[in-house]
PDB file of N, CA and C in Angstrom:
ATOM      1  N   MET A   1      -0.104 -15.016  31.747  1.00  0.00           N
ATOM      2  CA  MET A   1      -0.346 -13.748  31.111  1.00  0.00           C
ATOM      3  C   MET A   1       0.602 -13.603  29.922  1.00  0.00           C
ATOM      4  N   LEU A   2       0.070 -13.125  28.815  1.00  0.00           N
ATOM      5  CA  LEU A   2       0.882 -12.912  27.619  1.00  0.00           C
ATOM      6  C   LEU A   2       1.605 -11.582  27.719  1.00  0.00           C
ATOM      7  N   SER A   3       2.852 -11.583  27.318  1.00  0.00           N
ATOM      8  CA  SER A   3       3.596 -10.322  27.321  1.00  0.00           C
ATOM      9  C   SER A   3       3.815  -9.867  25.884  1.00  0.00           C
ATOM     10  N   ALA A   4       3.964  -8.586  25.726  1.00  0.00           N
ATOM     11  CA  ALA A   4       4.206  -8.021  24.407  1.00  0.00           C
ATOM     12  C   ALA A   4       5.610  -8.410  23.950  1.00  0.00           C
ATOM     13  N   PRO A   5       5.784  -8.618  22.629  1.00  0.00           N
ATOM     14  CA  PRO A   5       7.122  -8.947  22.145  1.00  0.00           C
ATOM     15  C   PRO A   5       8.075  -7.780  22.389  1.00  0.00           C
ATOM     16  N   ALA A   6       9.319  -8.116  22.641  1.00  0.00           N
ATOM     17  CA  ALA A   6      10.329  -7.080  22.900  1.00  0.00           C
ATOM     18  C   ALA A   6      10.514  -6.217  21.654  1.00  0.00           C
ATOM     19  N   ALA A   7      10.629  -4.932  21.865  1.00  0.00           N
ATOM     20  CA  ALA A   7      10.858  -4.012  20.750  1.00  0.00           C
ATOM     21  C   ALA A   7      12.249  -4.251  20.191  1.00  0.00           C
ATOM     22  N   ARG A   8      12.333  -4.284  18.882  1.00  0.00           N
ATOM     23  CA  ARG A   8      13.617  -4.505  18.236  1.00  0.00           C
ATOM     24  C   ARG A   8      14.401  -3.194  18.180  1.00  0.00           C
ATOM     25  N   LYS A   9      15.610  -3.219  18.654  1.00  0.00           N
ATOM     26  CA  LYS A   9      16.453  -2.025  18.603  1.00  0.00           C
ATOM     27  C   LYS A   9      16.939  -1.837  17.179  1.00  0.00           C
ATOM     28  N   ARG A  10      16.888  -0.593  16.715  1.00  0.00           N
ATOM     29  CA  ARG A  10      17.394  -0.279  15.391  1.00  0.00           C
ATOM     30  C   ARG A  10      18.830   0.181  15.504  1.00  0.00           C
ATOM     31  N   LYS A  11      19.591  -0.124  14.499  1.00  0.00           N
ATOM     32  CA  LYS A  11      20.989   0.283  14.480  1.00  0.00           C
ATOM     33  C   LYS A  11      21.078   1.761  14.138  1.00  0.00           C
ATOM     34  N   TRP A  12      21.881   2.503  14.885  1.00  0.00           N
ATOM     35  CA  TRP A  12      22.097   3.912  14.614  1.00  0.00           C
ATOM     36  C   TRP A  12      22.858   4.065  13.313  1.00  0.00           C
ATOM     37  N   MET A  13      22.479   5.067  12.542  1.00  0.00           N
ATOM     38  CA  MET A  13      23.165   5.357  11.293  1.00  0.00           C
ATOM     39  C   MET A  13      23.779   6.735  11.408  1.00  0.00           C
ATOM     40  N   THR A  14      25.065   6.808  11.201  1.00  0.00           N
ATOM     41  CA  THR A  14      25.748   8.087  11.315  1.00  0.00           C
ATOM     42  C   THR A  14      26.567   8.354  10.062  1.00  0.00           C
ATOM     43  N   GLY A  15      26.860   9.626   9.835  1.00  0.00           N
ATOM     44  CA  GLY A  15      27.741  10.023   8.742  1.00  0.00           C
ATOM     45  C   GLY A  15      27.322   9.484   7.391  1.00  0.00           C
ATOM     46  N   GLY A  16      28.264   8.857   6.703  1.00  0.00           N
ATOM     47  CA  GLY A  16      28.041   8.351   5.357  1.00  0.00           C
ATOM     48  C   GLY A  16      27.115   7.159   5.286  1.00  0.00           C
ATOM     49  N   ALA A  17      26.726   6.604   6.421  1.00  0.00           N
ATOM     50  CA  ALA A  17      25.833   5.443   6.422  1.00  0.00           C
ATOM     51  C   ALA A  17      24.456   5.783   5.870  1.00  0.00           C
ATOM     52  N   HIS A  18      24.110   7.062   5.773  1.00  0.00           N
ATOM     53  CA  HIS A  18      22.802   7.464   5.250  1.00  0.00           C
ATOM     54  C   HIS A  18      22.752   7.463   3.732  1.00  0.00           C
ATOM     55  N   GLU A  19      23.898   7.431   3.075  1.00  0.00           N
ATOM     56  CA  GLU A  19      23.915   7.585   1.615  1.00  0.00           C
ATOM     57  C   GLU A  19      23.162   6.490   0.879  1.00  0.00           C
ATOM     58  N   GLU A  20      23.444   5.234   1.182  1.00  0.00           N
ATOM     59  CA  GLU A  20      22.780   4.132   0.478  1.00  0.00           C
ATOM     60  C   GLU A  20      21.287   4.089   0.794  1.00  0.00           C
ATOM     61  N   PRO A  21      20.882   4.177   2.075  1.00  0.00           N
ATOM     62  CA  PRO A  21      19.442   4.202   2.343  1.00  0.00           C
ATOM     63  C   PRO A  21      18.762   5.422   1.724  1.00  0.00           C
ATOM     64  N   ALA A  22      19.448   6.556   1.680  1.00  0.00           N
ATOM     65  CA  ALA A  22      18.864   7.763   1.095  1.00  0.00           C
ATOM     66  C   ALA A  22      18.581   7.547  -0.382  1.00  0.00           C
ATOM     67  N   GLN A  23      19.491   6.903  -1.092  1.00  0.00           N
ATOM     68  CA  GLN A  23      19.282   6.638  -2.520  1.00  0.00           C
ATOM     69  C   GLN A  23      18.113   5.686  -2.719  1.00  0.00           C
ATOM     70  N   ARG A  24      18.044   4.641  -1.892  1.00  0.00           N
ATOM     71  CA  ARG A  24      16.960   3.656  -2.007  1.00  0.00           C
ATOM     72  C   ARG A  24      15.613   4.302  -1.673  1.00  0.00           C
ATOM     73  N   LEU A  25      15.567   5.071  -0.570  1.00  0.00           N
ATOM     74  CA  LEU A  25      14.321   5.723  -0.167  1.00  0.00           C
ATOM     75  C   LEU A  25      13.901   6.763  -1.189  1.00  0.00           C
ATOM     76  N   ALA A  26      14.853   7.509  -1.753  1.00  0.00           N
ATOM     77  CA  ALA A  26      14.534   8.507  -2.767  1.00  0.00           C
ATOM     78  C   ALA A  26      13.932   7.839  -3.996  1.00  0.00           C
ATOM     79  N   ARG A  27      14.494   6.712  -4.413  1.00  0.00           N
ATOM     80  CA  ARG A  27      13.973   5.981  -5.575  1.00  0.00           C
ATOM     81  C   ARG A  27      12.535   5.525  -5.316  1.00  0.00           C
ATOM     82  N   GLU A  28      12.289   4.981  -4.129  1.00  0.00           N
ATOM     83  CA  GLU A  28      10.944   4.510  -3.794  1.00  0.00           C
ATOM     84  C   GLU A  28       9.965   5.679  -3.734  1.00  0.00           C
ATOM     85  N   TYR A  29      10.392   6.789  -3.153  1.00  0.00           N
ATOM     86  CA  TYR A  29       9.529   7.968  -3.046  1.00  0.00           C
ATOM     87  C   TYR A  29       9.233   8.539  -4.427  1.00  0.00           C
ATOM     88  N   GLU A  30      10.245   8.617  -5.267  1.00  0.00           N
ATOM     89  CA  GLU A  30      10.056   9.139  -6.620  1.00  0.00           C
ATOM     90  C   GLU A  30       9.208   8.208  -7.471  1.00  0.00           C
ATOM     91  N   ASP A  31       9.134   6.922  -7.102  1.00  0.00           N
ATOM     92  CA  ASP A  31       8.272   5.959  -7.798  1.00  0.00           C
ATOM     93  C   ASP A  31       6.823   6.050  -7.334  1.00  0.00           C
ATOM     94  N   GLY A  32       6.537   6.966  -6.395  1.00  0.00           N
ATOM     95  CA  GLY A  32       5.164   7.203  -5.993  1.00  0.00           C
ATOM     96  C   GLY A  32       4.781   6.777  -4.602  1.00  0.00           C
ATOM     97  N   GLN A  33       5.700   6.149  -3.859  1.00  0.00           N
ATOM     98  CA  GLN A  33       5.366   5.747  -2.500  1.00  0.00           C
ATOM     99  C   GLN A  33       5.368   6.967  -1.575  1.00  0.00           C
ATOM    100  N   SER A  34       4.616   6.865  -0.506  1.00  0.00           N
ATOM    101  CA  SER A  34       4.605   7.930   0.501  1.00  0.00           C
ATOM    102  C   SER A  34       5.819   7.767   1.403  1.00  0.00           C
ATOM    103  N   PHE A  35       6.024   8.676   2.340  1.00  0.00           N
ATOM    104  CA  PHE A  35       7.088   8.521   3.331  1.00  0.00           C
ATOM    105  C   PHE A  35       6.798   7.309   4.207  1.00  0.00           C
ATOM    106  N   ARG A  36       5.525   7.048   4.462  1.00  0.00           N
ATOM    107  CA  ARG A  36       5.158   5.977   5.384  1.00  0.00           C
ATOM    108  C   ARG A  36       5.393   4.581   4.809  1.00  0.00           C
ATOM    109  N   ASP A  37       5.211   4.403   3.495  1.00  0.00           N
ATOM    110  CA  ASP A  37       5.366   3.075   2.891  1.00  0.00           C
ATOM    111  C   ASP A  37       6.781   2.516   3.076  1.00  0.00           C
ATOM    112  N   PRO A  38       7.829   3.220   2.650  1.00  0.00           N
ATOM    113  CA  PRO A  38       9.169   2.667   2.865  1.00  0.00           C
ATOM    114  C   PRO A  38       9.560   2.625   4.339  1.00  0.00           C
ATOM    115  N   ALA A  39       9.021   3.531   5.141  1.00  0.00           N
ATOM    116  CA  ALA A  39       9.316   3.506   6.576  1.00  0.00           C
ATOM    117  C   ALA A  39       8.869   2.172   7.159  1.00  0.00           C
ATOM    118  N   GLU A  40       7.659   1.776   6.831  1.00  0.00           N
ATOM    119  CA  GLU A  40       7.128   0.515   7.335  1.00  0.00           C
ATOM    120  C   GLU A  40       7.878  -0.673   6.737  1.00  0.00           C
ATOM    121  N   ALA A  41       8.162  -0.629   5.449  1.00  0.00           N
ATOM    122  CA  ALA A  41       8.827  -1.741   4.775  1.00  0.00           C
ATOM    123  C   ALA A  41      10.244  -1.976   5.293  1.00  0.00           C
ATOM    124  N   HIS A  42      10.924  -0.904   5.690  1.00  0.00           N
ATOM    125  CA  HIS A  42      12.313  -1.029   6.127  1.00  0.00           C
ATOM    126  C   HIS A  42      12.471  -0.948   7.642  1.00  0.00           C
ATOM    127  N   GLY A  43      11.347  -0.928   8.367  1.00  0.00           N
ATOM    128  CA  GLY A  43      11.416  -0.918   9.821  1.00  0.00           C
ATOM    129  C   GLY A  43      11.976   0.372  10.391  1.00  0.00           C
ATOM    130  N   ARG A  44      11.696   1.482   9.739  1.00  0.00           N
ATOM    131  CA  ARG A  44      12.152   2.795  10.197  1.00  0.00           C
ATOM    132  C   ARG A  44      10.937   3.664  10.484  1.00  0.00           C
ATOM    133  N   SER A  45      11.176   4.769  11.160  1.00  0.00           N
ATOM    134  CA  SER A  45      10.075   5.670  11.484  1.00  0.00           C
ATOM    135  C   SER A  45       9.826   6.644  10.340  1.00  0.00           C
ATOM    136  N   TYR A  46       8.644   7.237  10.350  1.00  0.00           N
ATOM    137  CA  TYR A  46       8.304   8.291   9.390  1.00  0.00           C
ATOM    138  C   TYR A  46       9.332   9.413   9.503  1.00  0.00           C
ATOM    139  N   GLY A  47       9.696   9.769  10.728  1.00  0.00           N
ATOM    140  CA  GLY A  47      10.657  10.847  10.952  1.00  0.00           C
ATOM    141  C   GLY A  47      12.022  10.546  10.364  1.00  0.00           C
ATOM    142  N   PHE A  48      12.455   9.291  10.460  1.00  0.00           N
ATOM    143  CA  PHE A  48      13.734   8.904   9.882  1.00  0.00           C
ATOM    144  C   PHE A  48      13.702   9.094   8.372  1.00  0.00           C
ATOM    145  N   VAL A  49      12.649   8.585   7.727  1.00  0.00           N
ATOM    146  CA  VAL A  49      12.527   8.701   6.274  1.00  0.00           C
ATOM    147  C   VAL A  49      12.462  10.174   5.875  1.00  0.00           C
ATOM    148  N   HIS A  50      11.681  10.953   6.590  1.00  0.00           N
ATOM    149  CA  HIS A  50      11.564  12.381   6.294  1.00  0.00           C
ATOM    150  C   HIS A  50      12.922  13.064   6.412  1.00  0.00           C
ATOM    151  N   ARG A  51      13.634  12.784   7.484  1.00  0.00           N
ATOM    152  CA  ARG A  51      14.941  13.419   7.700  1.00  0.00           C
ATOM    153  C   ARG A  51      15.941  13.011   6.627  1.00  0.00           C
ATOM    154  N   VAL A  52      16.014  11.728   6.299  1.00  0.00           N
ATOM    155  CA  VAL A  52      16.974  11.247   5.304  1.00  0.00           C
ATOM    156  C   VAL A  52      16.668  11.850   3.933  1.00  0.00           C
ATOM    157  N   LEU A  53      15.398  11.894   3.551  1.00  0.00           N
ATOM    158  CA  LEU A  53      15.046  12.459   2.251  1.00  0.00           C
ATOM    159  C   LEU A  53      15.265  13.968   2.213  1.00  0.00           C
ATOM    160  N   THR A  54      15.018  14.639   3.323  1.00  0.00           N
ATOM    161  CA  THR A  54      15.278  16.081   3.397  1.00  0.00           C
ATOM    162  C   THR A  54      16.772  16.354   3.275  1.00  0.00           C
ATOM    163  N   GLU A  55      17.586  15.575   3.987  1.00  0.00           N
ATOM    164  CA  GLU A  55      19.037  15.735   3.904  1.00  0.00           C
ATOM    165  C   GLU A  55      19.562  15.439   2.504  1.00  0.00           C
ATOM    166  N   ALA A  56      18.888  14.523   1.784  1.00  0.00           N
ATOM    167  CA  ALA A  56      19.281  14.175   0.425  1.00  0.00           C
ATOM    168  C   ALA A  56      18.716  15.170  -0.598  1.00  0.00           C
ATOM    169  N   GLU A  57      18.024  16.204  -0.106  1.00  0.00           N
ATOM    170  CA  GLU A  57      17.435  17.261  -0.935  1.00  0.00           C
ATOM    171  C   GLU A  57      16.435  16.728  -1.953  1.00  0.00           C
ATOM    172  N   VAL A  58      15.660  15.723  -1.534  1.00  0.00           N
ATOM    173  CA  VAL A  58      14.571  15.199  -2.360  1.00  0.00           C
ATOM    174  C   VAL A  58      13.374  16.116  -2.153  1.00  0.00           C
ATOM    175  N   PRO A  59      12.875  16.752  -3.221  1.00  0.00           N
ATOM    176  CA  PRO A  59      11.759  17.680  -3.045  1.00  0.00           C
ATOM    177  C   PRO A  59      10.464  16.941  -2.694  1.00  0.00           C
ATOM    178  N   PRO A  60       9.735  17.423  -1.689  1.00  0.00           N
ATOM    179  CA  PRO A  60       8.475  16.760  -1.326  1.00  0.00           C
ATOM    180  C   PRO A  60       7.398  17.035  -2.364  1.00  0.00           C
ATOM    181  N   ARG A  61       6.510  16.060  -2.544  1.00  0.00           N
ATOM    182  CA  ARG A  61       5.356  16.245  -3.427  1.00  0.00           C
ATOM    183  C   ARG A  61       4.304  17.045  -2.688  1.00  0.00           C
ATOM    184  N   SER A  62       3.389  17.632  -3.434  1.00  0.00           N
ATOM    185  CA  SER A  62       2.264  18.289  -2.785  1.00  0.00           C
ATOM    186  C   SER A  62       1.373  17.221  -2.185  1.00  0.00           C
ATOM    187  N   ARG A  63       0.598  17.596  -1.196  1.00  0.00           N
ATOM    188  CA  ARG A  63      -0.237  16.636  -0.488  1.00  0.00           C
ATOM    189  C   ARG A  63      -1.487  16.297  -1.264  1.00  0.00           C
ATOM    190  N   GLY A  64      -1.984  15.057  -1.057  1.00  0.00           N
ATOM    191  CA  GLY A  64      -3.314  14.682  -1.503  1.00  0.00           C
ATOM    192  C   GLY A  64      -3.369  13.763  -2.700  1.00  0.00           C
ATOM    193  N   GLY A  65      -4.259  12.791  -2.591  1.00  0.00           N
ATOM    194  CA  GLY A  65      -4.627  11.954  -3.719  1.00  0.00           C
ATOM    195  C   GLY A  65      -3.641  10.870  -4.083  1.00  0.00           C
ATOM    196  N   ASP A  66      -4.078  10.047  -5.003  1.00  0.00           N
ATOM    197  CA  ASP A  66      -3.299   8.939  -5.529  1.00  0.00           C
ATOM    198  C   ASP A  66      -2.415   9.468  -6.655  1.00  0.00           C
ATOM    199  N   VAL A  67      -1.110   9.324  -6.504  1.00  0.00           N
ATOM    200  CA  VAL A  67      -0.187   9.872  -7.495  1.00  0.00           C
ATOM    201  C   VAL A  67      -0.202   9.086  -8.800  1.00  0.00           C
ATOM    202  N   HIS A  68      -0.745   7.875  -8.791  1.00  0.00           N
ATOM    203  CA  HIS A  68      -0.735   7.048  -9.990  1.00  0.00           C
ATOM    204  C   HIS A  68      -1.979   7.217 -10.851  1.00  0.00           C
ATOM    205  N   SER A  69      -3.122   7.488 -10.249  1.00  0.00           N
ATOM    206  CA  SER A  69      -4.353   7.536 -11.032  1.00  0.00           C
ATOM    207  C   SER A  69      -4.742   8.938 -11.474  1.00  0.00           C
ATOM    208  N   GLY A  70      -4.023   9.941 -10.983  1.00  0.00           N
ATOM    209  CA  GLY A  70      -4.344  11.303 -11.371  1.00  0.00           C
ATOM    210  C   GLY A  70      -5.565  11.861 -10.677  1.00  0.00           C
ATOM    211  N   THR A  71      -5.985  11.236  -9.569  1.00  0.00           N
ATOM    212  CA  THR A  71      -7.166  11.685  -8.849  1.00  0.00           C
ATOM    213  C   THR A  71      -6.765  12.531  -7.649  1.00  0.00           C
ATOM    214  N   THR A  72      -5.912  13.496  -7.872  1.00  0.00           N
ATOM    215  CA  THR A  72      -5.480  14.344  -6.764  1.00  0.00           C
ATOM    216  C   THR A  72      -6.530  15.395  -6.452  1.00  0.00           C
ATOM    217  N   ARG A  73      -6.453  15.890  -5.254  1.00  0.00           N
ATOM    218  CA  ARG A  73      -7.365  16.966  -4.853  1.00  0.00           C
ATOM    219  C   ARG A  73      -6.949  18.250  -5.527  1.00  0.00           C
ATOM    220  N   PRO A  74      -7.901  19.121  -5.809  1.00  0.00           N
ATOM    221  CA  PRO A  74      -7.530  20.404  -6.413  1.00  0.00           C
ATOM    222  C   PRO A  74      -6.683  21.238  -5.446  1.00  0.00           C
ATOM    223  N   VAL A  75      -5.735  21.964  -5.995  1.00  0.00           N
ATOM    224  CA  VAL A  75      -4.886  22.826  -5.185  1.00  0.00           C
ATOM    225  C   VAL A  75      -5.659  24.084  -4.855  1.00  0.00           C
ATOM    226  N   ARG A  76      -5.611  24.479  -3.589  1.00  0.00           N
ATOM    227  CA  ARG A  76      -6.355  25.676  -3.168  1.00  0.00           C
ATOM    228  C   ARG A  76      -5.501  26.889  -3.261  1.00  0.00           C
TER     229      ARG A  76
END
Protein backbone atom coordinates (compact mmCIF):
# COMPACT_ATOMS: atom_id res chain seq x y z
CA MET A 1 0.00 0.00 0.00
CA LEU A 2 1.28 3.46 -0.88
CA SER A 3 1.45 5.99 1.90
CA ALA A 4 1.16 9.73 1.56
CA PRO A 5 4.41 11.68 1.81
CA ALA A 6 5.11 13.13 5.24
CA ALA A 7 4.01 16.73 5.63
CA ARG A 8 6.95 19.09 5.80
CA LYS A 9 7.09 21.09 9.01
CA ARG A 10 7.47 24.81 8.49
CA LYS A 11 9.79 26.83 10.64
CA TRP A 12 8.05 29.21 13.02
CA MET A 13 8.76 32.87 12.39
CA THR A 14 8.66 35.21 15.33
CA GLY A 15 9.45 38.85 15.99
CA GLY A 16 11.76 40.47 13.46
CA ALA A 17 11.92 37.31 11.35
CA HIS A 18 8.84 38.56 9.46
CA GLU A 19 10.56 41.67 8.10
CA GLU A 20 12.46 40.14 5.18
CA PRO A 21 9.61 37.85 4.04
CA ALA A 22 7.17 40.76 4.43
CA GLN A 23 9.26 42.92 2.09
CA ARG A 24 9.55 40.10 -0.47
CA LEU A 25 5.83 39.22 -0.28
CA ALA A 26 4.85 42.90 -0.49
CA ARG A 27 6.98 43.34 -3.62
CA GLU A 28 5.41 40.28 -5.26
CA TYR A 29 1.90 41.40 -4.29
CA GLU A 30 2.50 44.93 -5.56
CA ASP A 31 3.78 43.41 -8.83
CA GLY A 32 0.31 41.94 -9.34
CA GLN A 33 0.42 38.50 -7.75
CA SER A 34 -2.44 37.35 -5.55
CA PHE A 35 -1.98 36.27 -1.92
CA ARG A 36 -2.16 32.66 -3.11
CA ASP A 37 0.66 32.85 -5.69
CA PRO A 38 3.53 33.68 -3.29
CA ALA A 39 1.99 31.44 -0.63
CA GLU A 40 2.30 28.47 -2.94
CA ALA A 41 5.72 29.51 -4.28
CA HIS A 42 7.21 29.89 -0.80
CA GLY A 43 5.46 26.94 0.84
CA ARG A 44 3.34 29.09 3.15
CA SER A 45 -0.38 29.27 3.74
CA TYR A 46 -2.75 31.92 2.41
CA GLY A 47 -3.33 32.94 6.03
CA PHE A 48 0.38 33.43 6.66
CA VAL A 49 0.74 35.68 3.60
CA HIS A 50 -2.41 37.60 4.54
CA ARG A 51 -1.22 38.11 8.12
CA VAL A 52 2.32 39.17 7.14
CA LEU A 53 1.07 41.65 4.53
CA THR A 54 -1.55 43.03 6.93
CA GLU A 55 1.09 43.49 9.64
CA ALA A 56 3.31 45.23 7.07
CA GLU A 57 0.37 47.59 6.32
CA VAL A 58 0.23 46.62 2.64
CA PRO A 59 -3.15 47.84 1.39
CA PRO A 60 -5.26 45.09 -0.22
CA ARG A 61 -6.42 45.49 -3.81
CA SER A 62 -10.08 45.38 -4.66
CA ARG A 63 -11.32 41.96 -5.70
CA GLY A 64 -11.79 40.70 -9.24
CA GLY A 65 -10.20 40.36 -12.62
CA ASP A 66 -6.74 40.28 -14.08
CA VAL A 67 -4.69 43.18 -12.73
CA HIS A 68 -2.43 43.20 -15.80
CA SER A 69 -4.92 43.27 -18.67
CA GLY A 70 -7.36 45.79 -17.25
CA THR A 71 -10.26 43.34 -17.51
CA THR A 72 -11.51 43.84 -13.98
CA ARG A 73 -15.12 43.45 -13.01
CA PRO A 74 -17.10 46.64 -12.57
CA VAL A 75 -17.30 47.91 -9.01
CA ARG A 76 -20.80 47.70 -7.59
